[in-house]
């Protein structure tokens, strides 16, 4: 039973890791402003682990679509008996109409392109002071991240994978960038270490990058670390470079200077969030790439017009801009 003073919040969040990270600041804002809040968080299977250490957490409900189409009814069945203080529905489902709650905050699509952090902020009407992405970790997670990243020298973090070949920059180019940043005398990362992130099945990409730093200076997290551990490890990096992916948003949320490589992604919506975050793309705009592949269904890389030198230059500028941070 909840204490009489508890304020129960049902937070219906995203399916994908990136979207979940971008809206995660809402939970911190609510936790900060409602001291007696108790959270029940609904998220997709990939995103659900992000919320394991939210303070005053009652439950994380893994929301998975069913072939029968009964997933919303199943969710309603799980949450219908509680009288909620607030329901935040980032899916715009309208499920709160069938639940008892004092207040509803429902996502509605914007008529104009707007960044996902601002879009989430509008749900709570805080777009004038949007909540930056924030993930909660436990001391055990931080200690494990210390163990995984122990050693000397700054860390360059790379995430060479993406959920579609169209927005995956060639791993050979990641390798060239890493060699420049870890070996050239001008770089503050010279002699440093290389950390590679990715999900299950991305170990092939990490193996292709192992020789860049050497075994003793290589931190392989691809398919080997859960999302919160990866996030904690990213806090210890000096620079992150990666495709538009969940790992990119984890890096920006962790506060590491972040360079997101964009092609068939709209940076107006999905740019990494933060003052130390940058977007780099090739010669073509998002609109030009979309015109060549309207449905984004081609199994072709749309990142080939992004040269190594442009990424190295962006890294050099960002390292300089954040040297005293």
Protein backbone atom coordinates (compact mmCIF):
# COMPACT_ATOMS: atom_id res chain seq x y z
CA UNK A 1 0.00 0.00 0.00
CA UNK A 2 1.14 3.51 -0.79
CA UNK A 3 1.49 6.02 2.08
CA UNK A 4 -1.48 8.36 2.24
CA UNK A 5 0.70 11.31 1.22
CA UNK A 6 2.18 9.60 -1.87
CA UNK A 7 1.51 11.13 -5.26
CA UNK A 8 1.44 8.30 -7.82
CA UNK A 9 2.58 9.16 -11.35
CA UNK A 10 2.07 6.93 -14.37
CA UNK A 11 4.70 7.83 -16.97
CA UNK A 12 4.09 6.24 -20.38
CA UNK A 13 7.34 6.64 -22.27
CA UNK A 14 9.08 5.65 -25.48
CA UNK A 15 9.94 2.39 -27.17
CA UNK A 16 13.38 3.28 -28.52
CA UNK A 17 16.40 4.12 -26.38
CA UNK A 18 17.09 7.45 -28.07
CA UNK A 19 13.55 8.76 -27.66
CA UNK A 20 13.47 7.55 -24.06
CA UNK A 21 16.70 9.38 -23.24
CA UNK A 22 15.48 12.60 -24.85
CA UNK A 23 12.32 12.62 -22.70
CA UNK A 24 14.01 11.33 -19.53
CA UNK A 25 14.47 14.81 -18.08
CA UNK A 26 10.74 15.02 -17.43
CA UNK A 27 11.06 12.34 -14.76
CA UNK A 28 13.82 14.24 -12.97
CA UNK A 29 11.81 17.45 -13.15
CA UNK A 30 8.80 15.73 -11.63
CA UNK A 31 10.94 14.06 -8.95
CA UNK A 32 12.50 17.40 -8.05
CA UNK A 33 9.24 19.30 -7.89
CA UNK A 34 6.99 16.66 -6.32
CA UNK A 35 8.90 15.27 -3.30
CA UNK A 36 6.23 12.65 -2.55
CA UNK A 37 6.02 11.40 -6.15
CA UNK A 38 5.95 7.65 -6.74
CA UNK A 39 6.66 6.49 -10.28
CA UNK A 40 5.27 3.72 -12.42
CA UNK A 41 7.07 3.88 -15.76
CA UNK A 42 5.94 2.23 -18.97
CA UNK A 43 8.58 1.73 -21.68
CA UNK A 44 9.49 -0.54 -24.55
CA UNK A 45 11.78 -3.56 -23.97
CA UNK A 46 14.94 -1.77 -25.12
CA UNK A 47 14.26 1.44 -23.17
CA UNK A 48 12.89 -0.05 -19.94
CA UNK A 49 16.32 -0.74 -18.33
CA UNK A 50 17.10 3.00 -18.47
CA UNK A 51 14.69 3.60 -15.59
CA UNK A 52 15.83 0.91 -13.15
CA UNK A 53 17.22 3.43 -10.65
CA UNK A 54 14.66 6.22 -10.78
CA UNK A 55 14.08 7.41 -7.19
CA UNK A 56 10.77 6.46 -5.57
CA UNK A 57 10.16 3.91 -8.30
CA UNK A 58 7.26 1.56 -7.76
CA UNK A 59 7.43 -0.37 -10.99
CA UNK A 60 8.71 -0.46 -14.56
CA UNK A 61 6.21 -2.01 -16.94
CA UNK A 62 7.71 -3.38 -20.13
CA UNK A 63 5.30 -2.45 -22.89
CA UNK A 64 5.52 -4.66 -25.94
CA UNK A 65 3.17 -4.62 -28.89
CA UNK A 66 1.27 -7.83 -29.43
CA UNK A 67 0.25 -9.28 -32.76
CA UNK A 68 -3.32 -9.48 -31.54
CA UNK A 69 -3.37 -5.74 -30.90
CA UNK A 70 -4.34 -6.18 -27.27
CA UNK A 71 -1.29 -4.46 -25.75
CA UNK A 72 -3.17 -1.31 -24.72
CA UNK A 73 -5.87 -3.36 -23.04
CA UNK A 74 -3.18 -5.36 -21.24
CA UNK A 75 -1.57 -2.14 -20.00
CA UNK A 76 -4.94 -0.79 -18.88
CA UNK A 77 -5.55 -4.01 -16.95
CA UNK A 78 -2.24 -3.57 -15.10
CA UNK A 79 -2.77 0.05 -14.06
CA UNK A 80 -6.54 0.54 -13.81
CA UNK A 81 -6.95 -0.18 -10.10
CA UNK A 82 -4.79 2.71 -8.87
CA UNK A 83 -6.02 6.27 -8.46
CA UNK A 84 -3.29 8.30 -10.14
CA UNK A 85 -2.20 11.80 -9.24
CA UNK A 86 -0.80 12.42 -12.72
CA UNK A 87 -0.60 10.48 -15.97
CA UNK A 88 2.07 11.59 -18.45
CA UNK A 89 1.45 9.92 -21.81
CA UNK A 90 4.24 10.59 -24.30
CA UNK A 91 2.66 8.19 -26.78
CA UNK A 92 -0.50 10.25 -27.08
CA UNK A 93 -2.58 7.13 -26.63
CA UNK A 94 -5.45 8.59 -24.66
CA UNK A 95 -5.38 5.66 -22.25
CA UNK A 96 -5.75 8.11 -19.37
CA UNK A 97 -9.37 8.70 -20.42
CA UNK A 98 -10.12 5.25 -19.08
CA UNK A 99 -8.15 5.62 -15.85
CA UNK A 100 -8.80 7.51 -12.64
CA UNK A 101 -6.40 10.46 -12.35
CA UNK A 102 -6.32 14.02 -11.02
CA UNK A 103 -4.41 15.34 -14.01
CA UNK A 104 -3.52 14.26 -17.52
CA UNK A 105 -0.56 15.42 -19.62
CA UNK A 106 -0.90 13.99 -23.13
CA UNK A 107 1.52 14.31 -26.02
CA UNK A 108 0.21 15.92 -29.18
CA UNK A 109 2.11 16.10 -32.44
CA UNK A 110 3.59 19.45 -33.33
CA UNK A 111 2.57 21.08 -36.60
CA UNK A 112 6.18 22.18 -37.20
CA UNK A 113 9.42 20.24 -36.76
CA UNK A 114 10.58 20.63 -33.17
CA UNK A 115 13.33 18.95 -31.20
CA UNK A 116 12.18 15.95 -29.21
CA UNK A 117 13.35 17.47 -25.92
CA UNK A 118 11.16 20.51 -26.55
CA UNK A 119 8.32 18.31 -27.75
CA UNK A 120 8.47 16.37 -24.47
CA UNK A 121 8.66 19.62 -22.49
CA UNK A 122 5.42 20.81 -24.09
CA UNK A 123 3.60 17.87 -22.51
CA UNK A 124 4.24 19.41 -19.08
CA UNK A 125 4.07 22.97 -20.45
CA UNK A 126 7.69 23.70 -19.52
CA UNK A 127 9.01 24.46 -23.00
CA UNK A 128 10.34 27.81 -21.77
CA UNK A 129 12.61 25.87 -19.42
CA UNK A 130 12.90 22.40 -20.97
CA UNK A 131 14.22 19.52 -18.90
CA UNK A 132 17.53 18.25 -20.30
CA UNK A 133 17.93 14.47 -20.57
CA UNK A 134 18.89 12.85 -17.29
CA UNK A 135 19.32 9.23 -16.25
CA UNK A 136 19.62 7.95 -12.69
CA UNK A 137 22.25 5.39 -11.76
CA UNK A 138 23.11 3.46 -8.62
CA UNK A 139 26.45 3.56 -6.80
CA UNK A 140 27.05 -0.05 -7.87
CA UNK A 141 26.70 0.93 -11.52
CA UNK A 142 29.17 3.79 -11.10
CA UNK A 143 31.64 1.50 -9.34
CA UNK A 144 31.38 -1.04 -12.16
CA UNK A 145 31.96 1.74 -14.71
CA UNK A 146 35.08 2.75 -12.77
CA UNK A 147 36.31 -0.82 -13.03
CA UNK A 148 35.60 -1.08 -16.76
CA UNK A 149 37.35 2.19 -17.56
CA UNK A 150 40.27 2.01 -15.14
CA UNK A 151 43.61 2.99 -16.62
CA UNK A 152 45.43 6.11 -17.65
CA UNK A 153 44.87 8.45 -20.56
CA UNK A 154 41.79 10.21 -21.93
CA UNK A 155 39.05 8.13 -23.50
CA UNK A 156 37.73 8.54 -27.04
CA UNK A 157 34.31 6.86 -27.27
CA UNK A 158 32.96 5.67 -30.61
CA UNK A 159 29.57 4.20 -31.54
CA UNK A 160 29.91 2.98 -35.14
CA UNK A 161 26.55 1.17 -35.28
CA UNK A 162 23.03 2.38 -36.07
CA UNK A 163 19.64 0.76 -36.49
CA UNK A 164 19.74 1.06 -40.30
CA UNK A 165 22.55 0.89 -42.83
CA UNK A 166 21.37 4.18 -44.34
CA UNK A 167 22.67 6.19 -41.38
CA UNK A 168 25.76 4.09 -40.61
CA UNK A 169 29.04 5.85 -41.39
CA UNK A 170 31.60 3.29 -42.64
CA UNK A 171 33.60 1.72 -39.81
CA UNK A 172 36.79 2.27 -41.81
CA UNK A 173 36.24 6.01 -41.52
CA UNK A 174 35.69 5.73 -37.78
CA UNK A 175 39.02 3.94 -37.67
CA UNK A 176 40.75 6.72 -39.58
CA UNK A 177 39.32 9.38 -37.26
CA UNK A 178 40.40 7.41 -34.18
CA UNK A 179 43.95 7.02 -35.52
CA UNK A 180 44.18 10.77 -36.11
CA UNK A 181 42.83 11.67 -32.67
CA UNK A 182 44.79 9.10 -30.68
CA UNK A 183 48.14 9.37 -32.45
CA UNK A 184 48.72 12.85 -33.87
CA UNK A 185 50.74 15.31 -31.73
CA UNK A 186 48.18 18.13 -31.98
CA UNK A 187 45.45 16.06 -30.33
CA UNK A 188 44.78 16.25 -26.56
CA UNK A 189 43.72 12.60 -26.92
CA UNK A 190 47.17 11.50 -28.10
CA UNK A 191 48.18 8.30 -26.34
CA UNK A 192 44.69 7.87 -24.96
CA UNK A 193 42.29 4.97 -24.95
CA UNK A 194 39.50 3.89 -27.28
CA UNK A 195 36.06 2.85 -26.02
CA UNK A 196 33.58 1.28 -28.44
CA UNK A 197 29.88 1.04 -27.70
CA UNK A 198 27.15 -0.95 -29.37
CA UNK A 199 24.40 -3.45 -28.84
CA UNK A 200 24.17 -7.20 -29.31
CA UNK A 201 25.55 -8.09 -32.72
CA UNK A 202 27.85 -5.07 -32.95
CA UNK A 203 30.92 -6.96 -31.76
CA UNK A 204 32.10 -7.33 -35.37
CA UNK A 205 32.40 -3.54 -35.61
CA UNK A 206 34.34 -3.37 -32.35
CA UNK A 207 36.78 -6.03 -33.54
CA UNK A 208 37.53 -3.91 -36.61
CA UNK A 209 38.57 -1.04 -34.31
CA UNK A 210 40.59 -3.00 -31.77
CA UNK A 211 43.96 -2.52 -33.49
CA UNK A 212 43.61 1.26 -33.52
CA UNK A 213 44.45 1.56 -29.82
CA UNK A 214 45.96 -1.80 -28.98
CA UNK A 215 44.60 -4.35 -26.53
CA UNK A 216 45.73 -2.54 -23.37
CA UNK A 217 44.10 0.73 -24.43
CA UNK A 218 40.88 -0.74 -25.82
CA UNK A 219 37.61 -0.73 -23.88
CA UNK A 220 35.12 -2.97 -25.65
CA UNK A 221 31.54 -2.40 -24.50
CA UNK A 222 29.80 -3.47 -27.72
CA UNK A 223 27.20 -6.02 -26.72
CA UNK A 224 28.88 -6.38 -23.32
CA UNK A 225 27.39 -3.58 -21.22
CA UNK A 226 23.77 -2.75 -20.43
CA UNK A 227 22.52 0.74 -21.25
CA UNK A 228 22.99 2.24 -17.78
CA UNK A 229 26.51 0.84 -17.50
CA UNK A 230 27.32 2.27 -20.93
CA UNK A 231 25.92 5.62 -19.80
CA UNK A 232 28.07 5.58 -16.67
CA UNK A 233 31.16 4.69 -18.70
CA UNK A 234 30.45 7.56 -21.08
CA UNK A 235 30.65 9.99 -18.16
CA UNK A 236 34.34 9.11 -18.01
CA UNK A 237 35.06 9.80 -21.70
CA UNK A 238 36.67 12.96 -23.08
CA UNK A 239 34.96 12.86 -26.48
CA UNK A 240 32.22 10.84 -28.18
CA UNK A 241 31.70 10.39 -31.91
CA UNK A 242 28.86 8.28 -33.27
CA UNK A 243 26.03 7.87 -35.72
CA UNK A 244 22.53 9.08 -34.87
CA UNK A 245 21.64 6.35 -32.37
CA UNK A 246 20.67 5.65 -28.81
CA UNK A 247 24.35 5.64 -27.85
CA UNK A 248 24.73 9.19 -29.18
CA UNK A 249 21.90 10.41 -26.96
CA UNK A 250 23.32 8.51 -23.99
CA UNK A 251 26.64 10.29 -24.53
CA UNK A 252 25.09 13.75 -24.69
CA UNK A 253 23.02 13.02 -21.58
CA UNK A 254 26.19 11.86 -19.80
CA UNK A 255 27.73 15.27 -20.46
CA UNK A 256 30.63 14.07 -22.62
CA UNK A 257 31.39 16.38 -25.57
CA UNK A 258 29.41 14.70 -28.33
CA UNK A 259 29.62 14.72 -32.12
CA UNK A 260 26.63 13.17 -33.88
CA UNK A 261 27.10 12.09 -37.50
CA UNK A 262 23.94 12.77 -39.48
CA UNK A 263 22.69 11.91 -42.94
CA UNK A 264 19.13 10.56 -43.32
CA UNK A 265 18.17 11.93 -39.89
CA UNK A 266 16.57 15.28 -39.16
CA UNK A 267 18.78 17.15 -36.70
CA UNK A 268 15.95 19.59 -36.01
CA UNK A 269 14.30 16.71 -34.16
CA UNK A 270 17.15 14.43 -33.11
CA UNK A 271 20.35 16.44 -32.66
CA UNK A 272 22.24 15.45 -29.51
CA UNK A 273 21.11 17.80 -26.74
CA UNK A 274 23.50 20.01 -24.83
CA UNK A 275 25.97 22.87 -25.07
CA UNK A 276 28.84 20.46 -25.74
CA UNK A 277 27.02 18.62 -28.53
CA UNK A 278 27.52 19.10 -32.26
CA UNK A 279 26.03 17.74 -35.49
CA UNK A 280 28.20 16.98 -38.51
CA UNK A 281 26.84 15.97 -41.89
CA UNK A 282 28.11 15.67 -45.43
CA UNK A 283 27.37 17.93 -48.38
CA UNK A 284 23.69 16.95 -48.60
CA UNK A 285 20.95 18.22 -46.32
CA UNK A 286 18.35 15.96 -44.74
CA UNK A 287 15.81 17.16 -47.32
CA UNK A 288 18.13 16.30 -50.22
CA UNK A 289 18.74 12.80 -48.89
CA UNK A 290 15.03 12.29 -48.30
CA UNK A 291 14.31 13.32 -51.89
CA UNK A 292 16.62 10.54 -53.10
CA UNK A 293 15.03 7.93 -50.82
CA UNK A 294 11.53 9.20 -49.84
CA UNK A 295 10.54 6.18 -47.77
CA UNK A 296 14.01 5.60 -46.30
CA UNK A 297 13.76 2.01 -47.40
CA UNK A 298 16.84 1.69 -49.59
CA UNK A 299 19.55 -0.60 -48.26
CA UNK A 300 22.21 1.94 -49.17
CA UNK A 301 24.49 4.04 -46.99
CA UNK A 302 23.49 7.69 -47.16
CA UNK A 303 26.59 8.79 -45.25
CA UNK A 304 29.25 8.40 -47.94
CA UNK A 305 29.45 12.15 -48.61
CA UNK A 306 30.72 12.80 -45.06
CA UNK A 307 34.54 12.91 -45.27
CA UNK A 308 36.94 11.93 -42.51
CA UNK A 309 38.56 15.36 -42.50
CA UNK A 310 35.28 17.10 -41.68
CA UNK A 311 34.77 14.90 -38.62
CA UNK A 312 38.36 15.34 -37.46
CA UNK A 313 38.01 19.11 -37.81
CA UNK A 314 34.79 19.11 -35.78
CA UNK A 315 36.46 16.98 -33.11
CA UNK A 316 39.42 19.32 -32.96
CA UNK A 317 37.16 22.36 -32.52
CA UNK A 318 35.01 20.68 -29.86
CA UNK A 319 38.03 19.47 -27.90
CA UNK A 320 39.38 23.00 -27.87
CA UNK A 321 36.01 24.50 -26.88
CA UNK A 322 35.70 22.09 -23.93
CA UNK A 323 39.32 21.92 -22.77
CA UNK A 324 38.61 23.80 -19.54
CA UNK A 325 35.17 22.35 -18.91
